[in-house]
Amino acid sequence: MVVDGRVHQPGINDGQIESMLGDAKRHSTSRATPTLNRMADGTLRIWLAAAKLEAPADVTLFAYDRRHATPVQRGENEGRRLDNFNVVRHFEIVSRWNGAQTHWTVPADRFQPEQGLAVIVQQSDHGPVLGANKLEPMIAG
C-alpha cells in the first residue's frame, strides 16, 4: 500500500495503515483537490484553487471504463466472463501547475461519455500526491 506518494508498506493490519495515514498527514504541507465538471459541450473543466507548492506539480487526467467484461474463449474458464473494474483506457498530463489559481479545458474527444474521469495532482517527478478527484457519469436503471 502506498499512501500519499510518500509512505509504503504492505498494509496488512489496521494499526499499520493508521500509522501510515498519520505519517502522511503530518508530512503533507499542502493539499490541492481539483474540482471537475463536464460541460454541456462534453469537454472536461478542471479547476484548481491557489496553493503554496514546494515544487511544480503535474495535473494528470485518467479516463477509465467503470466496468469491462471479457468473455473467456478457451481454457478451464471457457464460456465464462471476467469482469474488471476501473480499467484505465487513456491518461495524459494536462499541464504542469505552479500553484496559481487556474483552470484547464480538456476536449471531449479525449474520452467517451460513459467513461469515468480521474485527475491526480502530483508533485512533478513522481513526488507526493497533493490531491485527486473523480467524476463518473450517472447510470440510469
C-alpha atoms as a PDB file:
ATOM      1  CA  MET A   1       0.000   0.000   0.000  1.00  0.00           C
ATOM      2  CA  VAL A   2       1.294   3.474  -0.928  1.00  0.00           C
ATOM      3  CA  VAL A   3      -0.051   6.466   0.991  1.00  0.00           C
ATOM      4  CA  ASP A   4       0.246   9.997  -0.381  1.00  0.00           C
ATOM      5  CA  GLY A   5       3.154   9.008  -2.612  1.00  0.00           C
ATOM      6  CA  ARG A   6       5.407   9.153   0.460  1.00  0.00           C
ATOM      7  CA  VAL A   7       4.975   6.049   2.628  1.00  0.00           C
ATOM      8  CA  HIS A   8       4.745   2.434   1.505  1.00  0.00           C
ATOM      9  CA  GLN A   9       4.222  -0.764   3.485  1.00  0.00           C
ATOM     10  CA  PRO A  10       2.311  -3.993   2.934  1.00  0.00           C
ATOM     11  CA  GLY A  11      -0.622  -2.553   4.939  1.00  0.00           C
ATOM     12  CA  ILE A  12      -1.531  -5.872   6.482  1.00  0.00           C
ATOM     13  CA  ASN A  13      -3.227  -4.599   9.628  1.00  0.00           C
ATOM     14  CA  ASP A  14      -5.309  -1.636  10.764  1.00  0.00           C
ATOM     15  CA  GLY A  15      -2.608  -0.263  13.078  1.00  0.00           C
ATOM     16  CA  GLN A  16      -0.040  -0.191  10.293  1.00  0.00           C
ATOM     17  CA  ILE A  17      -2.480   1.529   7.936  1.00  0.00           C
ATOM     18  CA  GLU A  18      -3.444   4.139  10.573  1.00  0.00           C
ATOM     19  CA  SER A  19       0.250   4.805  11.227  1.00  0.00           C
ATOM     20  CA  MET A  20       0.949   5.357   7.518  1.00  0.00           C
ATOM     21  CA  LEU A  21      -2.031   7.695   7.195  1.00  0.00           C
ATOM     22  CA  GLY A  22      -0.907   9.660  10.259  1.00  0.00           C
ATOM     23  CA  ASP A  23       2.669   9.979   8.951  1.00  0.00           C
ATOM     24  CA  ALA A  24       1.438  11.174   5.569  1.00  0.00           C
ATOM     25  CA  LYS A  25      -0.871  13.745   7.156  1.00  0.00           C
ATOM     26  CA  ARG A  26       1.932  15.153   9.335  1.00  0.00           C
ATOM     27  CA  HIS A  27       4.307  15.477   6.377  1.00  0.00           C
ATOM     28  CA  SER A  28       1.839  16.862   3.853  1.00  0.00           C
ATOM     29  CA  THR A  29       2.199  20.619   3.837  1.00  0.00           C
ATOM     30  CA  SER A  30      -0.305  21.392   1.101  1.00  0.00           C
ATOM     31  CA  ARG A  31      -3.415  19.944  -0.491  1.00  0.00           C
ATOM     32  CA  ALA A  32      -4.750  20.700  -3.942  1.00  0.00           C
ATOM     33  CA  THR A  33      -8.016  18.915  -4.679  1.00  0.00           C
ATOM     34  CA  PRO A  34      -9.176  19.629  -8.235  1.00  0.00           C
ATOM     35  CA  THR A  35     -12.787  20.475  -8.998  1.00  0.00           C
ATOM     36  CA  LEU A  36     -14.101  18.607 -12.057  1.00  0.00           C
ATOM     37  CA  ASN A  37     -17.105  19.351 -14.246  1.00  0.00           C
ATOM     38  CA  ARG A  38     -18.279  18.007 -17.589  1.00  0.00           C
ATOM     39  CA  MET A  39     -19.556  20.939 -19.590  1.00  0.00           C
ATOM     40  CA  ALA A  40     -22.635  20.933 -21.858  1.00  0.00           C
ATOM     41  CA  ASP A  41     -20.402  20.545 -24.945  1.00  0.00           C
ATOM     42  CA  GLY A  42     -18.845  17.373 -23.475  1.00  0.00           C
ATOM     43  CA  THR A  43     -15.498  18.907 -22.521  1.00  0.00           C
ATOM     44  CA  LEU A  44     -13.999  18.472 -19.064  1.00  0.00           C
ATOM     45  CA  ARG A  45     -13.184  21.552 -16.994  1.00  0.00           C
ATOM     46  CA  ILE A  46     -10.561  21.193 -14.257  1.00  0.00           C
ATOM     47  CA  TRP A  47     -10.222  23.943 -11.643  1.00  0.00           C
ATOM     48  CA  LEU A  48      -7.504  24.349  -9.034  1.00  0.00           C
ATOM     49  CA  ALA A  49      -7.504  26.994  -6.322  1.00  0.00           C
ATOM     50  CA  ALA A  50      -4.251  28.744  -5.480  1.00  0.00           C
ATOM     51  CA  ALA A  51      -1.888  26.738  -3.279  1.00  0.00           C
ATOM     52  CA  LYS A  52       1.621  27.173  -1.957  1.00  0.00           C
ATOM     53  CA  LEU A  53       3.721  24.413  -3.533  1.00  0.00           C
ATOM     54  CA  GLU A  54       7.215  23.228  -2.647  1.00  0.00           C
ATOM     55  CA  ALA A  55       7.777  22.370  -6.326  1.00  0.00           C
ATOM     56  CA  PRO A  56       5.685  22.334  -9.536  1.00  0.00           C
ATOM     57  CA  ALA A  57       3.031  19.643  -9.832  1.00  0.00           C
ATOM     58  CA  ASP A  58       1.727  17.584 -12.741  1.00  0.00           C
ATOM     59  CA  VAL A  59      -2.019  17.544 -13.363  1.00  0.00           C
ATOM     60  CA  THR A  60      -2.787  14.139 -14.895  1.00  0.00           C
ATOM     61  CA  LEU A  61      -6.103  13.006 -16.364  1.00  0.00           C
ATOM     62  CA  PHE A  62      -7.159   9.351 -16.458  1.00  0.00           C
ATOM     63  CA  ALA A  63     -10.145   8.085 -18.478  1.00  0.00           C
ATOM     64  CA  TYR A  64     -11.383   4.677 -17.375  1.00  0.00           C
ATOM     65  CA  ASP A  65     -14.105   2.151 -18.034  1.00  0.00           C
ATOM     66  CA  ARG A  66     -16.052   1.697 -14.829  1.00  0.00           C
ATOM     67  CA  ARG A  67     -16.737  -1.920 -15.760  1.00  0.00           C
ATOM     68  CA  HIS A  68     -15.296  -4.039 -18.527  1.00  0.00           C
ATOM     69  CA  ALA A  69     -16.371  -7.602 -19.303  1.00  0.00           C
ATOM     70  CA  THR A  70     -14.128 -10.021 -21.210  1.00  0.00           C
ATOM     71  CA  PRO A  71     -15.583 -13.297 -22.490  1.00  0.00           C
ATOM     72  CA  VAL A  72     -13.222 -16.251 -21.964  1.00  0.00           C
ATOM     73  CA  GLN A  73     -12.788 -18.181 -25.223  1.00  0.00           C
ATOM     74  CA  ARG A  74     -10.548 -21.061 -24.073  1.00  0.00           C
ATOM     75  CA  GLY A  75      -9.238 -22.954 -21.092  1.00  0.00           C
ATOM     76  CA  GLU A  76     -10.858 -24.017 -17.849  1.00  0.00           C
ATOM     77  CA  ASN A  77     -12.932 -20.813 -17.713  1.00  0.00           C
ATOM     78  CA  GLU A  78     -14.218 -21.136 -21.277  1.00  0.00           C
ATOM     79  CA  GLY A  79     -17.710 -19.710 -21.638  1.00  0.00           C
ATOM     80  CA  ARG A  80     -17.362 -17.531 -18.541  1.00  0.00           C
ATOM     81  CA  ARG A  81     -16.967 -13.805 -18.346  1.00  0.00           C
ATOM     82  CA  LEU A  82     -14.259 -11.919 -16.447  1.00  0.00           C
ATOM     83  CA  ASP A  83     -15.378  -8.583 -15.025  1.00  0.00           C
ATOM     84  CA  ASN A  84     -12.799  -5.876 -14.423  1.00  0.00           C
ATOM     85  CA  PHE A  85     -13.473  -2.512 -12.818  1.00  0.00           C
ATOM     86  CA  ASN A  86     -11.910   0.930 -13.278  1.00  0.00           C
ATOM     87  CA  VAL A  87      -9.851  -0.104 -16.309  1.00  0.00           C
ATOM     88  CA  VAL A  88      -7.723   2.865 -17.433  1.00  0.00           C
ATOM     89  CA  ARG A  89      -8.043   3.405 -21.193  1.00  0.00           C
ATOM     90  CA  HIS A  90      -6.222   6.725 -21.573  1.00  0.00           C
ATOM     91  CA  PHE A  91      -4.068   9.028 -19.499  1.00  0.00           C
ATOM     92  CA  GLU A  92      -2.245  12.250 -20.194  1.00  0.00           C
ATOM     93  CA  ILE A  93      -0.519  15.053 -18.358  1.00  0.00           C
ATOM     94  CA  VAL A  94      -2.817  18.033 -18.823  1.00  0.00           C
ATOM     95  CA  SER A  95      -0.335  20.591 -17.535  1.00  0.00           C
ATOM     96  CA  ARG A  96       2.437  21.354 -15.107  1.00  0.00           C
ATOM     97  CA  TRP A  97       0.998  23.564 -12.371  1.00  0.00           C
ATOM     98  CA  ASN A  98       2.855  26.243 -10.406  1.00  0.00           C
ATOM     99  CA  GLY A  99       0.269  26.757  -7.665  1.00  0.00           C
ATOM    100  CA  ALA A 100      -1.579  29.723  -9.173  1.00  0.00           C
ATOM    101  CA  GLN A 101      -5.382  29.591  -9.328  1.00  0.00           C
ATOM    102  CA  THR A 102      -6.224  28.289 -12.772  1.00  0.00           C
ATOM    103  CA  HIS A 103      -8.374  26.024 -14.896  1.00  0.00           C
ATOM    104  CA  TRP A 104      -7.972  23.843 -17.960  1.00  0.00           C
ATOM    105  CA  THR A 105     -10.427  22.545 -20.534  1.00  0.00           C
ATOM    106  CA  VAL A 106      -9.877  19.041 -21.928  1.00  0.00           C
ATOM    107  CA  PRO A 107     -11.529  18.359 -25.306  1.00  0.00           C
ATOM    108  CA  ALA A 108     -14.318  15.779 -25.348  1.00  0.00           C
ATOM    109  CA  ASP A 109     -12.518  13.656 -27.956  1.00  0.00           C
ATOM    110  CA  ARG A 110     -10.037  12.515 -25.274  1.00  0.00           C
ATOM    111  CA  PHE A 111     -12.620  10.312 -23.516  1.00  0.00           C
ATOM    112  CA  GLN A 112     -16.005   8.656 -24.026  1.00  0.00           C
ATOM    113  CA  PRO A 113     -19.217   9.992 -22.422  1.00  0.00           C
ATOM    114  CA  GLU A 114     -19.729   6.764 -20.424  1.00  0.00           C
ATOM    115  CA  GLN A 115     -16.179   6.702 -19.020  1.00  0.00           C
ATOM    116  CA  GLY A 116     -15.164   7.768 -15.547  1.00  0.00           C
ATOM    117  CA  LEU A 117     -12.549  10.502 -15.268  1.00  0.00           C
ATOM    118  CA  ALA A 118      -9.951  10.966 -12.548  1.00  0.00           C
ATOM    119  CA  VAL A 119      -7.457  13.771 -12.062  1.00  0.00           C
ATOM    120  CA  ILE A 120      -4.391  13.435  -9.870  1.00  0.00           C
ATOM    121  CA  VAL A 121      -2.267  16.417  -8.832  1.00  0.00           C
ATOM    122  CA  GLN A 122       1.209  15.134  -8.009  1.00  0.00           C
ATOM    123  CA  GLN A 123       4.484  16.887  -7.358  1.00  0.00           C
ATOM    124  CA  SER A 124       6.497  16.533 -10.551  1.00  0.00           C
ATOM    125  CA  ASP A 125       8.995  13.703 -10.986  1.00  0.00           C
ATOM    126  CA  HIS A 126       6.889  11.179  -9.039  1.00  0.00           C
ATOM    127  CA  GLY A 127       6.649  13.231  -5.847  1.00  0.00           C
ATOM    128  CA  PRO A 128       3.845  13.196  -3.301  1.00  0.00           C
ATOM    129  CA  VAL A 129       0.215  13.299  -4.370  1.00  0.00           C
ATOM    130  CA  LEU A 130      -1.258  16.695  -3.492  1.00  0.00           C
ATOM    131  CA  GLY A 131      -4.850  15.975  -4.450  1.00  0.00           C
ATOM    132  CA  ALA A 132      -7.184  13.874  -6.550  1.00  0.00           C
ATOM    133  CA  ASN A 133     -10.794  13.751  -7.622  1.00  0.00           C
ATOM    134  CA  LYS A 134     -13.029  11.673  -9.878  1.00  0.00           C
ATOM    135  CA  LEU A 135     -16.120  12.282 -11.955  1.00  0.00           C
ATOM    136  CA  GLU A 136     -18.368   9.429 -13.025  1.00  0.00           C
ATOM    137  CA  PRO A 137     -21.439   9.587 -15.258  1.00  0.00           C
ATOM    138  CA  MET A 138     -24.852   8.906 -13.795  1.00  0.00           C
ATOM    139  CA  ILE A 139     -26.087   5.426 -14.667  1.00  0.00           C
ATOM    140  CA  ALA A 140     -29.849   5.130 -15.140  1.00  0.00           C
ATOM    141  CA  GLY A 141     -31.600   1.907 -14.422  1.00  0.00           C
END
